[in-house]
C-alpha atoms as a PDB file:
ATOM      1  CA  MET A   1     157.286  83.333  65.002  1.00  0.00           C
ATOM      2  CA  PRO A   2     160.804  83.242  63.493  1.00  0.00           C
ATOM      3  CA  ALA A   3     163.424  85.521  65.035  1.00  0.00           C
ATOM      4  CA  HIS A   4     164.164  87.017  61.629  1.00  0.00           C
ATOM      5  CA  LEU A   5     161.173  87.877  59.487  1.00  0.00           C
ATOM      6  CA  LEU A   6     161.376  89.417  56.029  1.00  0.00           C
ATOM      7  CA  LYS A   7     158.486  91.769  55.310  1.00  0.00           C
ATOM      8  CA  ILE A   8     157.527  91.602  51.642  1.00  0.00           C
ATOM      9  CA  GLY A   9     155.241  93.443  49.240  1.00  0.00           C
ATOM     10  CA  LEU A  10     153.869  91.672  46.158  1.00  0.00           C
ATOM     11  CA  ILE A  11     153.393  93.594  42.905  1.00  0.00           C
ATOM     12  CA  GLY A  12     151.193  91.756  40.428  1.00  0.00           C
ATOM     13  CA  ALA A  13     148.455  89.326  41.458  1.00  0.00           C
ATOM     14  CA  GLY A  14     147.979  87.321  38.275  1.00  0.00           C
ATOM     15  CA  ARG A  15     148.688  83.611  37.971  1.00  0.00           C
ATOM     16  CA  ILE A  16     152.361  83.724  38.903  1.00  0.00           C
ATOM     17  CA  GLY A  17     151.799  86.392  41.559  1.00  0.00           C
ATOM     18  CA  ARG A  18     149.158  84.281  43.262  1.00  0.00           C
ATOM     19  CA  LEU A  19     151.475  81.285  43.089  1.00  0.00           C
ATOM     20  CA  HIS A  20     154.162  83.202  44.974  1.00  0.00           C
ATOM     21  CA  ALA A  21     151.567  84.606  47.388  1.00  0.00           C
ATOM     22  CA  GLY A  22     150.534  81.085  48.320  1.00  0.00           C
ATOM     23  CA  HIS A  23     154.110  80.021  48.970  1.00  0.00           C
ATOM     24  CA  LEU A  24     155.049  83.165  50.903  1.00  0.00           C
ATOM     25  CA  THR A  25     152.037  82.842  53.199  1.00  0.00           C
ATOM     26  CA  SER A  26     152.096  79.092  53.779  1.00  0.00           C
ATOM     27  CA  ARG A  27     155.447  77.498  52.930  1.00  0.00           C
ATOM     28  CA  ILE A  28     158.179  80.003  53.771  1.00  0.00           C
ATOM     29  CA  PRO A  29     157.874  80.747  57.498  1.00  0.00           C
ATOM     30  CA  SER A  30     160.563  83.451  57.610  1.00  0.00           C
ATOM     31  CA  THR A  31     158.426  85.886  55.608  1.00  0.00           C
ATOM     32  CA  GLU A  32     155.440  88.133  56.170  1.00  0.00           C
ATOM     33  CA  LEU A  33     153.502  89.203  53.074  1.00  0.00           C
ATOM     34  CA  VAL A  34     152.282  92.645  54.095  1.00  0.00           C
ATOM     35  CA  ILE A  35     150.605  94.080  51.000  1.00  0.00           C
ATOM     36  CA  VAL A  36     149.691  93.132  47.435  1.00  0.00           C
ATOM     37  CA  ALA A  37     149.296  95.507  44.491  1.00  0.00           C
ATOM     38  CA  ASP A  38     147.717  94.970  41.099  1.00  0.00           C
ATOM     39  CA  ALA A  39     146.673  97.368  38.353  1.00  0.00           C
ATOM     40  CA  VAL A  40     143.208  95.801  38.595  1.00  0.00           C
ATOM     41  CA  GLU A  41     142.081  96.633  42.109  1.00  0.00           C
ATOM     42  CA  ASP A  42     139.614  93.774  42.333  1.00  0.00           C
ATOM     43  CA  THR A  43     142.389  91.307  41.468  1.00  0.00           C
ATOM     44  CA  ALA A  44     144.515  92.703  44.299  1.00  0.00           C
ATOM     45  CA  ARG A  45     141.565  92.529  46.701  1.00  0.00           C
ATOM     46  CA  GLN A  46     140.751  88.911  45.827  1.00  0.00           C
ATOM     47  CA  CYS A  47     144.397  87.894  46.285  1.00  0.00           C
ATOM     48  CA  ALA A  48     144.568  89.647  49.653  1.00  0.00           C
ATOM     49  CA  GLU A  49     141.369  88.001  50.859  1.00  0.00           C
ATOM     50  CA  HIS A  50     142.348  84.531  49.652  1.00  0.00           C
ATOM     51  CA  TYR A  51     145.811  84.560  51.254  1.00  0.00           C
ATOM     52  CA  ASP A  52     144.997  86.703  54.312  1.00  0.00           C
ATOM     53  CA  ILE A  53     147.294  89.519  53.223  1.00  0.00           C
ATOM     54  CA  PRO A  54     146.615  92.546  55.467  1.00  0.00           C
ATOM     55  CA  ALA A  55     146.480  95.212  52.740  1.00  0.00           C
ATOM     56  CA  PHE A  56     145.940  95.631  49.018  1.00  0.00           C
ATOM     57  CA  THR A  57     146.241  98.495  46.559  1.00  0.00           C
ATOM     58  CA  GLN A  58     145.917  99.362  42.889  1.00  0.00           C
ATOM     59  CA  ASP A  59     149.079 101.496  42.958  1.00  0.00           C
ATOM     60  CA  TYR A  60     152.390  99.617  43.162  1.00  0.00           C
ATOM     61  CA  ARG A  61     154.074 102.790  44.409  1.00  0.00           C
ATOM     62  CA  ALA A  62     152.194 102.315  47.671  1.00  0.00           C
ATOM     63  CA  VAL A  63     154.201  99.129  48.120  1.00  0.00           C
ATOM     64  CA  LEU A  64     157.490 100.895  47.387  1.00  0.00           C
ATOM     65  CA  ASP A  65     156.576 103.751  49.763  1.00  0.00           C
ATOM     66  CA  HIS A  66     155.562 101.395  52.584  1.00  0.00           C
ATOM     67  CA  PRO A  67     158.084 101.976  55.403  1.00  0.00           C
ATOM     68  CA  GLY A  68     157.791  98.445  56.747  1.00  0.00           C
ATOM     69  CA  ILE A  69     158.508  96.673  53.464  1.00  0.00           C
ATOM     70  CA  GLN A  70     162.048  95.314  53.130  1.00  0.00           C
ATOM     71  CA  ALA A  71     161.677  93.461  49.815  1.00  0.00           C
ATOM     72  CA  VAL A  72     159.342  93.333  46.833  1.00  0.00           C
ATOM     73  CA  VAL A  73     158.328  90.470  44.571  1.00  0.00           C
ATOM     74  CA  ILE A  74     157.578  91.766  41.072  1.00  0.00           C
ATOM     75  CA  CYS A  75     155.086  89.672  39.085  1.00  0.00           C
ATOM     76  CA  SER A  76     153.492  92.414  37.005  1.00  0.00           C
ATOM     77  CA  SER A  77     153.473  92.511  33.199  1.00  0.00           C
ATOM     78  CA  THR A  78     156.878  92.306  31.517  1.00  0.00           C
ATOM     79  CA  ASP A  79     156.746  95.862  30.197  1.00  0.00           C
ATOM     80  CA  THR A  80     156.703  97.168  33.800  1.00  0.00           C
ATOM     81  CA  HIS A  81     159.544  95.064  35.243  1.00  0.00           C
ATOM     82  CA  ALA A  82     162.518  97.320  34.505  1.00  0.00           C
ATOM     83  CA  ARG A  83     160.764 100.495  35.639  1.00  0.00           C
ATOM     84  CA  ILE A  84     159.629  98.939  38.921  1.00  0.00           C
ATOM     85  CA  ILE A  85     163.101  97.476  39.537  1.00  0.00           C
ATOM     86  CA  GLU A  86     164.576 100.962  39.163  1.00  0.00           C
ATOM     87  CA  GLU A  87     162.024 102.502  41.499  1.00  0.00           C
ATOM     88  CA  ALA A  88     162.314  99.692  44.045  1.00  0.00           C
ATOM     89  CA  ALA A  89     166.099 100.062  44.071  1.00  0.00           C
ATOM     90  CA  GLN A  90     165.768 103.797  44.613  1.00  0.00           C
ATOM     91  CA  ALA A  91     163.402 103.052  47.494  1.00  0.00           C
ATOM     92  CA  GLY A  92     165.992 100.730  49.044  1.00  0.00           C
ATOM     93  CA  LYS A  93     163.920  97.563  48.685  1.00  0.00           C
ATOM     94  CA  HIS A  94     165.466  94.193  47.876  1.00  0.00           C
ATOM     95  CA  ILE A  95     163.980  92.766  44.688  1.00  0.00           C
ATOM     96  CA  PHE A  96     162.787  89.453  43.348  1.00  0.00           C
ATOM     97  CA  CYS A  97     161.575  89.876  39.757  1.00  0.00           C
ATOM     98  CA  GLU A  98     160.039  87.411  37.363  1.00  0.00           C
ATOM     99  CA  LYS A  99     161.751  86.990  34.006  1.00  0.00           C
ATOM    100  CA  PRO A 100     162.460  88.659  31.689  1.00  0.00           C
ATOM    101  CA  ILE A 101     163.703  91.926  33.136  1.00  0.00           C
ATOM    102  CA  ALA A 102     162.696  93.646  29.875  1.00  0.00           C
ATOM    103  CA  LEU A 103     162.500  92.974  26.153  1.00  0.00           C
ATOM    104  CA  ASN A 104     165.433  95.253  25.279  1.00  0.00           C
ATOM    105  CA  LEU A 105     168.945  95.654  26.662  1.00  0.00           C
ATOM    106  CA  GLN A 106     168.746  99.403  27.215  1.00  0.00           C
ATOM    107  CA  SER A 107     165.943  99.011  29.754  1.00  0.00           C
ATOM    108  CA  ILE A 108     167.695  96.084  31.402  1.00  0.00           C
ATOM    109  CA  ASP A 109     170.960  97.978  31.748  1.00  0.00           C
ATOM    110  CA  ARG A 110     169.247 101.005  33.306  1.00  0.00           C
ATOM    111  CA  ALA A 111     167.567  98.732  35.838  1.00  0.00           C
ATOM    112  CA  LEU A 112     170.789  96.901  36.684  1.00  0.00           C
ATOM    113  CA  GLU A 113     172.643 100.190  37.075  1.00  0.00           C
ATOM    114  CA  ALA A 114     169.988 101.370  39.538  1.00  0.00           C
ATOM    115  CA  VAL A 115     170.395  98.153  41.518  1.00  0.00           C
ATOM    116  CA  GLU A 116     174.178  98.546  41.536  1.00  0.00           C
ATOM    117  CA  ARG A 117     173.952 102.118  42.794  1.00  0.00           C
ATOM    118  CA  SER A 118     171.555 101.228  45.601  1.00  0.00           C
ATOM    119  CA  SER A 119     173.357  98.059  46.763  1.00  0.00           C
ATOM    120  CA  VAL A 120     170.068  96.174  47.125  1.00  0.00           C
ATOM    121  CA  LYS A 121     169.834  92.532  46.115  1.00  0.00           C
ATOM    122  CA  LEU A 122     168.153  91.506  42.864  1.00  0.00           C
ATOM    123  CA  GLN A 123     167.158  87.938  42.044  1.00  0.00           C
ATOM    124  CA  ILE A 124     165.575  86.947  38.720  1.00  0.00           C
ATOM    125  CA  GLY A 125     162.920  84.229  38.638  1.00  0.00           C
ATOM    126  CA  PHE A 126     164.535  81.448  36.660  1.00  0.00           C
ATOM    127  CA  ASN A 127     162.943  78.812  38.867  1.00  0.00           C
ATOM    128  CA  ARG A 128     164.042  75.774  36.859  1.00  0.00           C
ATOM    129  CA  ARG A 129     167.552  76.108  38.273  1.00  0.00           C
ATOM    130  CA  PHE A 130     166.037  74.955  41.567  1.00  0.00           C
ATOM    131  CA  ASP A 131     164.361  71.845  40.145  1.00  0.00           C
ATOM    132  CA  ALA A 132     165.812  68.679  41.693  1.00  0.00           C
ATOM    133  CA  ASN A 133     166.191  66.960  38.309  1.00  0.00           C
ATOM    134  CA  TYR A 134     168.166  69.753  36.696  1.00  0.00           C
ATOM    135  CA  ARG A 135     170.261  70.340  39.802  1.00  0.00           C
ATOM    136  CA  ARG A 136     171.290  66.689  39.635  1.00  0.00           C
ATOM    137  CA  VAL A 137     172.435  67.167  36.032  1.00  0.00           C
ATOM    138  CA  ARG A 138     174.467  70.189  37.096  1.00  0.00           C
ATOM    139  CA  GLN A 139     175.943  68.168  39.947  1.00  0.00           C
ATOM    140  CA  ALA A 140     177.004  65.445  37.497  1.00  0.00           C
ATOM    141  CA  VAL A 141     178.865  68.096  35.491  1.00  0.00           C
ATOM    142  CA  GLU A 142     180.455  69.760  38.521  1.00  0.00           C
ATOM    143  CA  GLN A 143     181.649  66.458  39.994  1.00  0.00           C
ATOM    144  CA  GLY A 144     182.928  65.058  36.707  1.00  0.00           C
ATOM    145  CA  GLU A 145     180.605  62.052  36.799  1.00  0.00           C
ATOM    146  CA  ILE A 146     180.193  62.022  33.011  1.00  0.00           C
ATOM    147  CA  GLY A 147     183.625  63.350  32.121  1.00  0.00           C
ATOM    148  CA  ARG A 148     183.911  66.367  29.865  1.00  0.00           C
ATOM    149  CA  PRO A 149     180.488  67.484  28.516  1.00  0.00           C
ATOM    150  CA  HIS A 150     180.112  67.122  24.740  1.00  0.00           C
ATOM    151  CA  LEU A 151     176.453  67.344  23.679  1.00  0.00           C
ATOM    152  CA  LEU A 152     173.498  68.977  25.462  1.00  0.00           C
ATOM    153  CA  HIS A 153     169.903  68.447  24.344  1.00  0.00           C
ATOM    154  CA  ILE A 154     167.026  70.307  26.021  1.00  0.00           C
ATOM    155  CA  VAL A 155     163.400  69.460  25.212  1.00  0.00           C
ATOM    156  CA  SER A 156     160.831  72.038  26.333  1.00  0.00           C
ATOM    157  CA  ARG A 157     157.329  71.803  24.878  1.00  0.00           C
ATOM    158  CA  ASP A 158     154.098  73.275  26.200  1.00  0.00           C
ATOM    159  CA  PRO A 159     150.744  71.457  26.167  1.00  0.00           C
ATOM    160  CA  ASN A 160     149.007  74.426  24.528  1.00  0.00           C
ATOM    161  CA  PRO A 161     150.047  77.866  23.265  1.00  0.00           C
ATOM    162  CA  PRO A 162     149.233  80.993  25.250  1.00  0.00           C
ATOM    163  CA  PRO A 163     146.588  83.389  23.916  1.00  0.00           C
ATOM    164  CA  VAL A 164     147.612  85.273  20.784  1.00  0.00           C
ATOM    165  CA  GLU A 165     146.950  88.507  22.684  1.00  0.00           C
ATOM    166  CA  TYR A 166     149.754  87.512  25.054  1.00  0.00           C
ATOM    167  CA  ILE A 167     152.147  86.527  22.258  1.00  0.00           C
ATOM    168  CA  ARG A 168     151.536  89.890  20.603  1.00  0.00           C
ATOM    169  CA  ILE A 169     153.180  91.682  23.573  1.00  0.00           C
ATOM    170  CA  SER A 170     155.445  88.959  25.031  1.00  0.00           C
ATOM    171  CA  GLY A 171     158.351  89.435  22.650  1.00  0.00           C
ATOM    172  CA  GLY A 172     157.722  86.077  20.979  1.00  0.00           C
ATOM    173  CA  ILE A 173     158.704  82.496  21.640  1.00  0.00           C
ATOM    174  CA  PHE A 174     162.390  83.189  22.320  1.00  0.00           C
ATOM    175  CA  LEU A 175     161.631  85.754  25.036  1.00  0.00           C
ATOM    176  CA  ASP A 176     158.564  84.190  26.640  1.00  0.00           C
ATOM    177  CA  MET A 177     159.416  80.476  26.368  1.00  0.00           C
ATOM    178  CA  THR A 178     162.918  79.592  25.137  1.00  0.00           C
ATOM    179  CA  ILE A 179     164.390  82.103  27.585  1.00  0.00           C
ATOM    180  CA  HIS A 180     164.030  79.467  30.317  1.00  0.00           C
ATOM    181  CA  ASP A 181     166.013  77.017  28.187  1.00  0.00           C
ATOM    182  CA  PHE A 182     168.686  79.600  27.407  1.00  0.00           C
ATOM    183  CA  ASP A 183     169.157  80.064  31.140  1.00  0.00           C
ATOM    184  CA  MET A 184     169.114  76.312  31.723  1.00  0.00           C
ATOM    185  CA  ALA A 185     171.789  75.761  29.057  1.00  0.00           C
ATOM    186  CA  ARG A 186     174.148  78.232  30.774  1.00  0.00           C
ATOM    187  CA  PHE A 187     173.369  76.763  34.195  1.00  0.00           C
ATOM    188  CA  LEU A 188     173.891  73.125  33.244  1.00  0.00           C
ATOM    189  CA  ILE A 189     177.096  73.574  31.248  1.00  0.00           C
ATOM    190  CA  GLY A 190     178.613  76.348  33.375  1.00  0.00           C
ATOM    191  CA  SER A 191     179.820  78.124  30.244  1.00  0.00           C
ATOM    192  CA  GLU A 192     178.611  80.946  28.032  1.00  0.00           C
ATOM    193  CA  VAL A 193     177.122  80.511  24.565  1.00  0.00           C
ATOM    194  CA  GLU A 194     179.116  82.251  21.831  1.00  0.00           C
ATOM    195  CA  GLU A 195     176.956  81.572  18.782  1.00  0.00           C
ATOM    196  CA  LEU A 196     173.541  80.175  17.928  1.00  0.00           C
ATOM    197  CA  PHE A 197     171.491  79.211  14.905  1.00  0.00           C
ATOM    198  CA  VAL A 198     167.710  78.884  14.645  1.00  0.00           C
ATOM    199  CA  LEU A 199     165.366  76.889  12.474  1.00  0.00           C
ATOM    200  CA  ALA A 200     161.696  77.648  13.134  1.00  0.00           C
ATOM    201  CA  ASN A 201     158.264  77.660  11.574  1.00  0.00           C
ATOM    202  CA  VAL A 202     154.537  77.936  12.218  1.00  0.00           C
ATOM    203  CA  MET A 203     153.490  74.296  12.322  1.00  0.00           C
ATOM    204  CA  ASP A 204     150.355  74.341  14.440  1.00  0.00           C
ATOM    205  CA  ASN A 205     148.619  77.712  14.801  1.00  0.00           C
ATOM    206  CA  PRO A 206     148.409  80.188  11.884  1.00  0.00           C
ATOM    207  CA  ALA A 207     147.178  82.899  14.260  1.00  0.00           C
ATOM    208  CA  ILE A 208     150.608  82.861  15.903  1.00  0.00           C
ATOM    209  CA  GLY A 209     152.229  83.436  12.533  1.00  0.00           C
ATOM    210  CA  ALA A 210     149.825  86.290  11.865  1.00  0.00           C
ATOM    211  CA  VAL A 211     151.291  88.239  14.799  1.00  0.00           C
ATOM    212  CA  GLY A 212     154.841  87.610  13.627  1.00  0.00           C
ATOM    213  CA  ASP A 213     155.847  84.684  15.815  1.00  0.00           C
ATOM    214  CA  VAL A 214     156.541  80.954  15.360  1.00  0.00           C
ATOM    215  CA  ASP A 215     155.313  77.973  17.362  1.00  0.00           C
ATOM    216  CA  THR A 216     157.988  75.358  16.624  1.00  0.00           C
ATOM    217  CA  THR A 217     161.740  75.864  16.791  1.00  0.00           C
ATOM    218  CA  VAL A 218     165.125  74.226  17.201  1.00  0.00           C
ATOM    219  CA  VAL A 219     168.068  76.302  18.426  1.00  0.00           C
ATOM    220  CA  MET A 220     171.655  75.110  18.015  1.00  0.00           C
ATOM    221  CA  LEU A 221     174.166  76.473  20.535  1.00  0.00           C
ATOM    222  CA  GLN A 222     177.959  76.710  20.448  1.00  0.00           C
ATOM    223  CA  PHE A 223     179.434  77.160  23.932  1.00  0.00           C
ATOM    224  CA  SER A 224     182.774  78.841  24.572  1.00  0.00           C
ATOM    225  CA  ASN A 225     184.108  75.618  26.137  1.00  0.00           C
ATOM    226  CA  GLY A 226     183.338  73.645  22.966  1.00  0.00           C
ATOM    227  CA  VAL A 227     180.077  72.001  24.030  1.00  0.00           C
ATOM    228  CA  ILE A 228     177.386  71.795  21.349  1.00  0.00           C
ATOM    229  CA  GLY A 229     173.776  72.196  22.430  1.00  0.00           C
ATOM    230  CA  THR A 230     170.287  71.978  20.972  1.00  0.00           C
ATOM    231  CA  ILE A 231     166.967  73.247  22.294  1.00  0.00           C
ATOM    232  CA  SER A 232     163.711  71.789  20.966  1.00  0.00           C
ATOM    233  CA  ASN A 233     160.624  73.949  21.557  1.00  0.00           C
ATOM    234  CA  SER A 234     156.980  73.573  20.614  1.00  0.00           C
ATOM    235  CA  ARG A 235     154.006  75.573  21.810  1.00  0.00           C
ATOM    236  CA  HIS A 236     151.742  72.533  21.385  1.00  0.00           C
ATOM    237  CA  ALA A 237     152.584  69.005  22.496  1.00  0.00           C
ATOM    238  CA  ALA A 238     149.367  66.970  22.354  1.00  0.00           C
ATOM    239  CA  TYR A 239     150.461  64.649  25.170  1.00  0.00           C
ATOM    240  CA  GLY A 240     151.226  67.396  27.692  1.00  0.00           C
ATOM    241  CA  TYR A 241     154.114  69.295  29.253  1.00  0.00           C
ATOM    242  CA  ASP A 242     157.374  67.837  27.931  1.00  0.00           C
ATOM    243  CA  GLN A 243     160.478  68.790  29.946  1.00  0.00           C
ATOM    244  CA  ARG A 244     163.591  66.671  29.402  1.00  0.00           C
ATOM    245  CA  VAL A 245     167.375  67.008  29.288  1.00  0.00           C
ATOM    246  CA  GLU A 246     170.131  64.768  27.983  1.00  0.00           C
ATOM    247  CA  LEU A 247     173.826  65.525  28.381  1.00  0.00           C
ATOM    248  CA  LEU A 248     176.494  63.338  26.801  1.00  0.00           C
ATOM    249  CA  GLY A 249     180.030  63.478  28.150  1.00  0.00           C
ATOM    250  CA  SER A 250     183.362  61.812  27.508  1.00  0.00           C
ATOM    251  CA  ALA A 251     182.817  59.277  30.292  1.00  0.00           C
ATOM    252  CA  GLY A 252     179.043  58.805  30.264  1.00  0.00           C
ATOM    253  CA  ALA A 253     175.705  60.571  30.038  1.00  0.00           C
ATOM    254  CA  VAL A 254     173.011  61.970  32.309  1.00  0.00           C
ATOM    255  CA  CYS A 255     169.364  62.479  31.376  1.00  0.00           C
ATOM    256  CA  THR A 256     166.117  63.510  33.032  1.00  0.00           C
ATOM    257  CA  GLY A 257     162.591  62.482  32.104  1.00  0.00           C
ATOM    258  CA  ASN A 258     159.179  64.007  32.570  1.00  0.00           C
ATOM    259  CA  ASN A 259     157.408  64.128  35.928  1.00  0.00           C
ATOM    260  CA  TYR A 260     154.154  62.187  36.262  1.00  0.00           C
ATOM    261  CA  PRO A 261     151.242  62.350  38.696  1.00  0.00           C
ATOM    262  CA  ASN A 262     151.950  58.754  39.712  1.00  0.00           C
ATOM    263  CA  THR A 263     154.360  55.887  39.039  1.00  0.00           C
ATOM    264  CA  ALA A 264     151.729  53.384  37.882  1.00  0.00           C
ATOM    265  CA  ILE A 265     152.377  51.538  34.616  1.00  0.00           C
ATOM    266  CA  ILE A 266     149.539  49.476  33.138  1.00  0.00           C
ATOM    267  CA  SER A 267     150.416  46.409  31.084  1.00  0.00           C
ATOM    268  CA  ASP A 268     147.929  44.248  29.198  1.00  0.00           C
ATOM    269  CA  GLY A 269     147.756  42.112  26.090  1.00  0.00           C
ATOM    270  CA  HIS A 270     147.730  45.130  23.777  1.00  0.00           C
ATOM    271  CA  ASN A 271     150.216  47.660  25.173  1.00  0.00           C
ATOM    272  CA  VAL A 272     152.120  49.062  28.126  1.00  0.00           C
ATOM    273  CA  ARG A 273     151.003  52.550  29.141  1.00  0.00           C
ATOM    274  CA  ARG A 274     150.982  55.168  31.866  1.00  0.00           C
ATOM    275  CA  ASP A 275     149.184  58.446  32.579  1.00  0.00           C
ATOM    276  CA  LEU A 276     150.208  61.682  30.865  1.00  0.00           C
ATOM    277  CA  PRO A 277     152.933  63.923  32.356  1.00  0.00           C
ATOM    278  CA  LEU A 278     152.045  66.641  34.844  1.00  0.00           C
ATOM    279  CA  HIS A 279     149.991  69.096  32.850  1.00  0.00           C
ATOM    280  CA  PHE A 280     151.884  72.416  32.961  1.00  0.00           C
ATOM    281  CA  PHE A 281     154.536  74.459  34.713  1.00  0.00           C
ATOM    282  CA  VAL A 282     152.530  75.158  37.877  1.00  0.00           C
ATOM    283  CA  GLU A 283     152.235  71.432  38.586  1.00  0.00           C
ATOM    284  CA  ARG A 284     155.636  70.429  37.206  1.00  0.00           C
ATOM    285  CA  TYR A 285     157.735  73.067  38.941  1.00  0.00           C
ATOM    286  CA  THR A 286     155.870  73.691  42.205  1.00  0.00           C
ATOM    287  CA  GLU A 287     158.797  72.780  44.434  1.00  0.00           C
ATOM    288  CA  SER A 288     161.282  74.785  42.395  1.00  0.00           C
ATOM    289  CA  PHE A 289     159.131  77.905  42.818  1.00  0.00           C
ATOM    290  CA  VAL A 290     159.195  77.393  46.580  1.00  0.00           C
ATOM    291  CA  SER A 291     162.948  76.767  46.589  1.00  0.00           C
ATOM    292  CA  GLU A 292     163.828  79.834  44.539  1.00  0.00           C
ATOM    293  CA  MET A 293     161.812  82.134  46.801  1.00  0.00           C
ATOM    294  CA  ALA A 294     163.262  80.536  49.937  1.00  0.00           C
ATOM    295  CA  ALA A 295     166.748  81.126  48.491  1.00  0.00           C
ATOM    296  CA  PHE A 296     165.950  84.811  47.885  1.00  0.00           C
ATOM    297  CA  VAL A 297     164.613  85.262  51.405  1.00  0.00           C
ATOM    298  CA  ASP A 298     167.650  83.534  52.863  1.00  0.00           C
ATOM    299  CA  ALA A 299     170.020  85.730  50.820  1.00  0.00           C
ATOM    300  CA  VAL A 300     168.351  88.903  52.115  1.00  0.00           C
ATOM    301  CA  LEU A 301     168.090  87.811  55.746  1.00  0.00           C
ATOM    302  CA  HIS A 302     171.690  86.570  55.878  1.00  0.00           C
ATOM    303  CA  ASP A 303     173.220  89.144  53.518  1.00  0.00           C
ATOM    304  CA  ALA A 304     174.382  86.451  51.107  1.00  0.00           C
ATOM    305  CA  PRO A 305     174.651  86.566  47.297  1.00  0.00           C
ATOM    306  CA  VAL A 306     171.468  85.726  45.428  1.00  0.00           C
ATOM    307  CA  PRO A 307     171.739  82.545  43.321  1.00  0.00           C
ATOM    308  CA  VAL A 308     170.340  84.119  40.117  1.00  0.00           C
ATOM    309  CA  ASN A 309     171.543  87.688  39.710  1.00  0.00           C
ATOM    310  CA  GLY A 310     170.946  90.529  37.272  1.00  0.00           C
ATOM    311  CA  LEU A 311     173.575  89.314  34.801  1.00  0.00           C
ATOM    312  CA  ASP A 312     171.879  85.919  34.803  1.00  0.00           C
ATOM    313  CA  GLY A 313     168.714  87.780  33.855  1.00  0.00           C
ATOM    314  CA  ARG A 314     170.406  89.791  31.119  1.00  0.00           C
ATOM    315  CA  VAL A 315     172.300  87.080  29.206  1.00  0.00           C
ATOM    316  CA  PRO A 316     169.229  84.978  28.245  1.00  0.00           C
ATOM    317  CA  VAL A 317     167.660  88.112  26.758  1.00  0.00           C
ATOM    318  CA  VAL A 318     170.794  88.618  24.660  1.00  0.00           C
ATOM    319  CA  MET A 319     170.438  85.001  23.546  1.00  0.00           C
ATOM    320  CA  ALA A 320     166.758  85.512  22.725  1.00  0.00           C
ATOM    321  CA  LEU A 321     167.522  88.605  20.637  1.00  0.00           C
ATOM    322  CA  ALA A 322     170.265  86.695  18.830  1.00  0.00           C
ATOM    323  CA  ALA A 323     167.828  83.860  18.164  1.00  0.00           C
ATOM    324  CA  ARG A 324     165.332  86.264  16.641  1.00  0.00           C
ATOM    325  CA  LYS A 325     168.053  87.778  14.480  1.00  0.00           C
ATOM    326  CA  SER A 326     169.115  84.297  13.340  1.00  0.00           C
ATOM    327  CA  LEU A 327     165.543  83.432  12.392  1.00  0.00           C
ATOM    328  CA  VAL A 328     165.023  86.641  10.430  1.00  0.00           C
ATOM    329  CA  GLU A 329     168.407  86.596   8.681  1.00  0.00           C
ATOM    330  CA  HIS A 330     168.661  82.800   8.180  1.00  0.00           C
ATOM    331  CA  ARG A 331     172.198  82.539   9.537  1.00  0.00           C
ATOM    332  CA  PRO A 332     174.239  81.783  12.659  1.00  0.00           C
ATOM    333  CA  VAL A 333     174.510  84.795  14.972  1.00  0.00           C
ATOM    334  CA  ARG A 334     177.261  85.463  17.501  1.00  0.00           C
ATOM    335  CA  LEU A 335     176.057  86.931  20.767  1.00  0.00           C
ATOM    336  CA  SER A 336     178.694  89.656  20.422  1.00  0.00           C
ATOM    337  CA  GLU A 337     176.647  91.037  17.513  1.00  0.00           C
ATOM    338  CA  ILE A 338     173.798  91.808  19.883  1.00  0.00           C
ATOM    339  CA  GLU A 339     176.010  93.542  22.427  1.00  0.00           C
END
């Protein structure tokens, strides 16, 4: 058993919660997952049984009140994140929270103020920063391999849209999907976005439009250091999960392609083909989920800064709100308007 062991409580045992439970119990040896909570008691019980977690509960406050818990991993519904962050901070627990912190800045700011007062650590779950492909792009920028960055293009398209019931409460495409790309844009360029402009429509699923959202969008970004960026999103790419980046600089370019289940390419007299990309985010970003959680655990155990802090969680929400305003008002929006 490791000399230093971080005792963790998990709040939320849905898809992403179970993903983290699997990693905490099998791939990160310096942790002990002590208890899991979920609003649906049977969901908490099944998670505890599957991952050999000693205790489960329907009440997340039992996790926060647990004297042996040093840190919590929050994977509950978005509308509970800010409140639980505040309560966890007050309880003196270090916090890992899935994105977004909340759908409005007032709730986010209250949560961040509670964290600041308590001096606990808070890491937000933007796992793509830990993906080896994107880290290599960032490295190329940091080391000047492509000169001064000029043009950034991010492609992020899902194989299928989420249920309309989810979209109805998620805050819409900019807060539940593009938010990852907003974070990635800041991470890759190392500069803040000053202004953005959105073109979007319902191209695939009228039911999404009926709840006030869109399924296809392009966002243009103007960074404070002069870089111009674009983000291409679709909720339905027939060929699978499409995750690519291209960055053009003054001395060259760097790009990343999709990940595939194998490297086989079949050539015959009619065409050259390969299998479809890895199907969705669980398969595509498995290692990045492990890496982000390992980084959080390491930061707590060694009293180091977390790699994705509360401000990193706040800014993409500002960008998402600006994107929504741009769509509604059909004009470029400066992020300062949202503040």
